[in-house]
Amino acid sequence: MCHVIAPEETVEEPIRARSADPIMGSKRERRRAQLELLRTLMHRELRGRYRDSVLGSAWTILQPLAMTGVYYFLFSFLFPNNQIRNYALFILTALILWNFFANCISLGTVSITQSSDLVRKVWFRRELLPMAVVLSQAITTALLLTAVVVVDVIASPAALKTVVLVPIFFVLLTTVCFGLACILATANVFFRDISHLVSVILLPLFFMTPVFYSLDNFPRQPPEWVITVLRYGNPVTPYIESIRATALQGAIPGWPLLAYCAIVGPALSLLGIWFLRRQDEKFAVEL
């Protein structure tokens, strides 16, 4: 007999939910049960992130603000670059998006292995685990990004006509994070070194991402193919550039960036779900 979790229960408590065979019941009832579980998992993520923390959710803004201050000092005073307008906002907007991406990837990678007891005891769509991580991160990031985008528009009024595109690009970035989280979480079930590898890769990937510099503005311009690799070889870069362009610079990205953002995110989501479902029957054994 399999079980699903009632919405008022939490996954840390013993499983006392009403039992239901996933094959039985109407399609609507099964969908409702999965949505209830997703809500419970998201509540766990949001509640547990700042548990026993004095400042609580304030850490969401303090970390990017601190990093923005450091980079602004370095690249405005020690290594000045006067060609980028509103440089502090230029960094802060990108840094918020990078933190969102990095948190989704690092936490999403271990989302299944850290819920091994739940996976072994309860039937549910396994992609709900990385989805809960990504959506909980998306909620807090969206609130923070909204505040920063308002300041962006005040500092650059020309962005008022393009800022409406920011939510679309953010949703597309969320699909990238979800797809990668599904793939990495699945791989981490079978190869536990994946989570350590992700931690190693994220640091150099940060410096390869145009957070505190622009790919169109180097003191010594590299070959065009290097710019192309940096822009399209990094899954987060096109979204950072597109959101920063529409929120701060009042510009609409070119067709290559628009096509990349529109295609890669949804495609990665579908690939991630397909890859996870191909392997999910083996999870209970591996965990």
Protein backbone atom coordinates (compact mmCIF):
# COMPACT_ATOMS: atom_id res chain seq x y z
CA MET A 1 0.00 0.00 0.00
CA CYS A 2 1.38 3.42 -0.94
CA HIS A 3 0.81 6.73 0.78
CA VAL A 4 0.50 10.38 -0.08
CA ILE A 5 0.99 13.22 2.35
CA ALA A 6 -1.87 15.41 3.51
CA PRO A 7 -1.22 19.15 3.29
CA GLU A 8 -1.36 19.75 7.03
CA GLU A 9 1.42 17.27 7.67
CA THR A 10 5.13 17.88 7.34
CA VAL A 11 7.62 15.47 5.87
CA GLU A 12 9.71 15.41 9.07
CA GLU A 13 6.89 13.79 11.01
CA PRO A 14 6.05 10.09 10.79
CA ILE A 15 4.01 9.34 7.72
CA ARG A 16 0.40 9.21 8.93
CA ALA A 17 -1.21 10.43 5.73
CA ARG A 18 -4.26 8.94 4.14
CA SER A 19 -3.30 6.00 1.99
CA ALA A 20 -4.04 5.89 -1.68
CA ASP A 21 -2.93 3.75 -4.54
CA PRO A 22 -1.38 6.07 -7.17
CA ILE A 23 -3.08 4.01 -9.87
CA MET A 24 -6.51 4.50 -8.26
CA GLY A 25 -8.54 7.69 -8.01
CA SER A 26 -9.37 10.22 -10.65
CA LYS A 27 -6.70 12.16 -12.49
CA ARG A 28 -7.87 15.30 -10.72
CA GLU A 29 -7.49 13.70 -7.28
CA ARG A 30 -3.99 12.47 -8.07
CA ARG A 31 -2.98 15.90 -9.34
CA ARG A 32 -4.37 17.53 -6.20
CA ALA A 33 -2.41 15.13 -4.00
CA GLN A 34 0.82 15.95 -5.85
CA LEU A 35 0.17 19.69 -5.54
CA GLU A 36 -0.47 19.30 -1.82
CA LEU A 37 2.82 17.48 -1.41
CA LEU A 38 4.64 20.16 -3.44
CA ARG A 39 3.21 22.82 -1.13
CA THR A 40 4.36 20.85 1.92
CA LEU A 41 7.88 20.45 0.50
CA MET A 42 8.11 24.14 -0.37
CA HIS A 43 6.96 25.05 3.14
CA ARG A 44 9.72 22.85 4.54
CA GLU A 45 12.32 24.55 2.34
CA LEU A 46 11.19 28.07 3.21
CA ARG A 47 10.79 27.35 6.93
CA GLY A 48 13.99 25.39 7.36
CA ARG A 49 16.36 27.71 5.53
CA TYR A 50 16.59 30.32 8.29
CA ARG A 51 15.59 28.21 11.27
CA ASP A 52 17.34 29.33 14.49
CA SER A 53 18.71 32.40 12.67
CA VAL A 54 18.43 35.76 14.43
CA LEU A 55 18.22 37.80 11.23
CA GLY A 56 16.10 35.24 9.39
CA SER A 57 15.26 36.09 5.79
CA ALA A 58 17.32 39.30 6.01
CA TRP A 59 20.30 37.15 5.02
CA THR A 60 18.73 36.94 1.56
CA ILE A 61 19.59 40.59 0.92
CA LEU A 62 22.66 40.97 3.16
CA GLN A 63 24.82 38.51 1.21
CA PRO A 64 24.38 40.07 -2.26
CA LEU A 65 24.66 43.57 -0.77
CA ALA A 66 27.96 42.68 0.89
CA MET A 67 29.35 41.16 -2.31
CA THR A 68 28.14 44.14 -4.33
CA GLY A 69 29.98 46.48 -1.98
CA VAL A 70 33.20 44.50 -2.34
CA TYR A 71 33.08 44.36 -6.14
CA TYR A 72 31.99 47.98 -6.41
CA PHE A 73 35.00 49.03 -4.32
CA LEU A 74 37.40 46.85 -6.28
CA PHE A 75 36.27 47.79 -9.76
CA SER A 76 35.27 51.41 -9.13
CA PHE A 77 38.26 52.54 -7.09
CA LEU A 78 41.13 50.06 -7.37
CA PHE A 79 40.47 48.91 -10.96
CA PRO A 80 38.13 51.61 -12.26
CA ASN A 81 35.88 50.91 -15.23
CA ASN A 82 34.02 54.10 -16.08
CA GLN A 83 32.33 52.68 -19.17
CA ILE A 84 29.55 50.91 -17.21
CA ARG A 85 26.81 53.21 -15.96
CA ASN A 86 25.08 52.56 -12.61
CA TYR A 87 27.79 50.09 -11.81
CA ALA A 88 26.56 49.14 -8.32
CA LEU A 89 23.12 48.25 -9.71
CA PHE A 90 24.80 46.53 -12.65
CA ILE A 91 26.54 44.19 -10.18
CA LEU A 92 23.65 43.80 -7.74
CA THR A 93 21.10 42.81 -10.40
CA ALA A 94 23.40 40.13 -11.79
CA LEU A 95 24.50 38.94 -8.36
CA ILE A 96 20.91 38.28 -7.26
CA LEU A 97 20.34 36.16 -10.37
CA TRP A 98 23.63 34.30 -9.94
CA ASN A 99 22.83 33.49 -6.28
CA PHE A 100 19.45 32.18 -7.36
CA PHE A 101 21.04 29.94 -9.99
CA ALA A 102 23.83 28.71 -7.69
CA ASN A 103 21.46 27.96 -4.79
CA CYS A 104 19.04 26.07 -7.04
CA ILE A 105 21.86 23.96 -8.47
CA SER A 106 23.65 23.21 -5.19
CA LEU A 107 20.50 22.54 -3.14
CA GLY A 108 18.68 20.86 -6.02
CA THR A 109 21.54 18.40 -6.54
CA VAL A 110 21.08 16.95 -3.05
CA SER A 111 17.29 17.30 -2.93
CA ILE A 112 16.61 13.60 -3.55
CA THR A 113 19.42 12.11 -1.47
CA GLN A 114 18.55 14.30 1.51
CA SER A 115 14.94 13.07 1.34
CA SER A 116 15.88 9.40 1.10
CA ASP A 117 13.46 8.31 3.87
CA LEU A 118 10.58 10.00 2.08
CA VAL A 119 11.55 8.48 -1.27
CA ARG A 120 11.70 4.96 0.19
CA LYS A 121 8.36 5.18 2.03
CA VAL A 122 6.07 7.40 -0.02
CA TRP A 123 4.93 7.28 -3.63
CA PHE A 124 5.00 10.63 -5.40
CA ARG A 125 6.48 12.24 -8.48
CA ARG A 126 10.18 12.46 -7.62
CA GLU A 127 10.64 15.65 -9.63
CA LEU A 128 8.65 17.42 -6.91
CA LEU A 129 11.77 17.39 -4.72
CA PRO A 130 13.99 19.53 -7.00
CA MET A 131 10.91 21.52 -8.02
CA ALA A 132 10.24 22.46 -4.38
CA VAL A 133 13.81 23.68 -4.00
CA VAL A 134 13.71 25.77 -7.19
CA LEU A 135 10.28 27.28 -6.52
CA SER A 136 11.11 28.20 -2.92
CA GLN A 137 14.29 29.88 -4.13
CA ALA A 138 12.30 31.59 -6.90
CA ILE A 139 9.83 33.08 -4.41
CA THR A 140 12.46 34.76 -2.24
CA THR A 141 14.52 35.82 -5.27
CA ALA A 142 11.49 37.30 -7.04
CA LEU A 143 10.73 39.51 -4.03
CA LEU A 144 14.31 40.72 -3.83
CA LEU A 145 14.61 41.17 -7.59
CA THR A 146 11.42 43.21 -7.69
CA ALA A 147 12.82 45.70 -5.19
CA VAL A 148 16.10 45.99 -7.09
CA VAL A 149 14.36 46.36 -10.46
CA VAL A 150 12.33 49.27 -9.08
CA VAL A 151 15.60 50.98 -8.14
CA ASP A 152 17.03 50.09 -11.57
CA VAL A 153 14.14 51.86 -13.30
CA ILE A 154 14.50 54.91 -11.06
CA ALA A 155 18.21 55.10 -11.88
CA SER A 156 17.60 54.44 -15.59
CA PRO A 157 14.14 55.71 -16.66
CA ALA A 158 14.71 54.42 -20.20
CA ALA A 159 14.21 50.91 -18.80
CA LEU A 160 10.56 51.66 -18.05
CA LYS A 161 9.54 50.55 -21.55
CA THR A 162 11.40 47.22 -21.38
CA VAL A 163 11.11 46.23 -17.70
CA VAL A 164 7.89 44.28 -18.39
CA LEU A 165 10.06 41.58 -19.97
CA VAL A 166 11.94 40.90 -16.73
CA PRO A 167 9.34 38.43 -15.29
CA ILE A 168 9.37 36.45 -18.55
CA PHE A 169 13.14 36.07 -18.51
CA PHE A 170 13.09 35.20 -14.81
CA VAL A 171 10.52 32.45 -15.37
CA LEU A 172 12.66 31.09 -18.21
CA LEU A 173 15.72 31.15 -15.94
CA THR A 174 13.69 29.20 -13.39
CA THR A 175 13.04 26.49 -15.98
CA VAL A 176 16.80 26.24 -16.61
CA CYS A 177 17.43 25.81 -12.88
CA PHE A 178 14.70 23.17 -12.60
CA GLY A 179 15.96 21.16 -15.55
CA LEU A 180 19.56 21.16 -14.32
CA ALA A 181 18.44 20.38 -10.76
CA CYS A 182 16.51 17.31 -11.99
CA ILE A 183 19.47 16.03 -14.00
CA LEU A 184 22.03 16.61 -11.24
CA ALA A 185 19.75 15.29 -8.48
CA THR A 186 19.22 12.08 -10.45
CA ALA A 187 22.93 11.66 -11.15
CA ASN A 188 23.74 12.31 -7.48
CA VAL A 189 21.60 9.34 -6.42
CA PHE A 190 23.95 7.00 -8.29
CA PHE A 191 27.21 8.96 -8.00
CA ARG A 192 27.45 10.88 -4.72
CA ASP A 193 30.54 12.74 -5.95
CA ILE A 194 28.24 14.83 -8.15
CA SER A 195 27.33 17.14 -5.25
CA HIS A 196 31.02 17.75 -4.50
CA LEU A 197 31.75 18.29 -8.19
CA VAL A 198 28.98 20.88 -8.39
CA SER A 199 30.53 22.80 -5.48
CA VAL A 200 33.88 22.78 -7.25
CA ILE A 201 32.44 23.92 -10.59
CA LEU A 202 30.26 26.74 -9.26
CA LEU A 203 33.21 28.89 -8.09
CA PRO A 204 35.06 29.11 -11.43
CA LEU A 205 31.72 29.35 -13.21
CA PHE A 206 30.94 32.45 -11.17
CA PHE A 207 34.03 34.22 -12.46
CA MET A 208 33.18 33.13 -16.01
CA THR A 209 29.75 34.74 -15.62
CA PRO A 210 29.51 38.50 -16.41
CA VAL A 211 28.41 39.57 -12.94
CA PHE A 212 30.89 42.39 -12.35
CA TYR A 213 31.98 42.91 -15.96
CA SER A 214 30.37 43.08 -19.38
CA LEU A 215 31.16 40.71 -22.23
CA ASP A 216 30.95 43.68 -24.59
CA ASN A 217 33.42 45.80 -22.68
CA PHE A 218 36.91 44.42 -22.04
CA PRO A 219 40.07 46.54 -21.75
CA ARG A 220 41.59 44.16 -24.28
CA GLN A 221 38.93 42.64 -26.49
CA PRO A 222 39.35 38.84 -26.89
CA PRO A 223 38.56 36.97 -30.12
CA GLU A 224 34.88 36.80 -31.04
CA TRP A 225 34.70 33.02 -30.53
CA VAL A 226 35.79 33.46 -26.89
CA ILE A 227 32.90 35.89 -26.30
CA THR A 228 30.50 33.44 -27.96
CA VAL A 229 31.65 30.57 -25.72
CA LEU A 230 31.43 32.72 -22.59
CA ARG A 231 27.95 33.91 -23.52
CA TYR A 232 26.31 30.72 -24.75
CA GLY A 233 28.43 28.05 -23.06
CA ASN A 234 27.31 29.21 -19.63
CA PRO A 235 23.61 28.42 -19.09
CA VAL A 236 22.96 31.40 -16.79
CA THR A 237 24.76 34.13 -18.77
CA PRO A 238 22.08 34.79 -21.46
CA TYR A 239 19.45 35.26 -18.75
CA ILE A 240 21.61 37.60 -16.67
CA GLU A 241 22.41 39.69 -19.74
CA SER A 242 18.78 39.76 -20.87
CA ILE A 243 17.36 40.73 -17.47
CA ARG A 244 20.03 43.35 -16.91
CA ALA A 245 19.42 44.81 -20.36
CA THR A 246 15.67 45.09 -19.88
CA ALA A 247 15.75 46.17 -16.21
CA LEU A 248 18.67 48.60 -16.22
CA GLN A 249 19.71 49.52 -19.73
CA GLY A 250 16.34 49.95 -21.43
CA ALA A 251 17.36 47.63 -24.27
CA ILE A 252 15.81 44.51 -25.74
CA PRO A 253 18.33 41.67 -26.24
CA GLY A 254 19.21 40.60 -29.76
CA TRP A 255 17.54 37.68 -31.48
CA PRO A 256 20.28 35.15 -30.58
CA LEU A 257 19.81 35.84 -26.86
CA LEU A 258 16.03 35.85 -27.16
CA ALA A 259 16.06 32.54 -29.02
CA TYR A 260 18.45 31.00 -26.48
CA CYS A 261 16.33 32.08 -23.51
CA ALA A 262 13.08 30.93 -25.11
CA ILE A 263 14.34 27.51 -26.20
CA VAL A 264 16.99 26.32 -23.75
CA GLY A 265 15.00 26.76 -20.53
CA PRO A 266 11.87 24.80 -21.49
CA ALA A 267 13.99 22.22 -23.32
CA LEU A 268 16.16 21.64 -20.24
CA SER A 269 13.05 21.26 -18.07
CA LEU A 270 11.61 18.59 -20.34
CA LEU A 271 14.97 16.84 -20.57
CA GLY A 272 15.37 16.93 -16.79
CA ILE A 273 11.93 15.43 -16.14
CA TRP A 274 12.48 12.75 -18.79
CA PHE A 275 15.90 11.83 -17.38
CA LEU A 276 14.61 11.69 -13.80
CA ARG A 277 11.58 9.56 -14.65
CA ARG A 278 13.76 7.13 -16.59
CA GLN A 279 15.69 6.40 -13.38
CA ASP A 280 13.22 7.02 -10.55
CA GLU A 281 12.29 3.34 -10.12
CA LYS A 282 15.87 2.68 -9.04
CA PHE A 283 15.99 5.42 -6.41
CA ALA A 284 14.64 3.38 -3.52
CA VAL A 285 17.28 0.69 -4.08
CA GLU A 286 20.16 3.15 -4.40
CA LEU A 287 19.08 5.19 -1.39
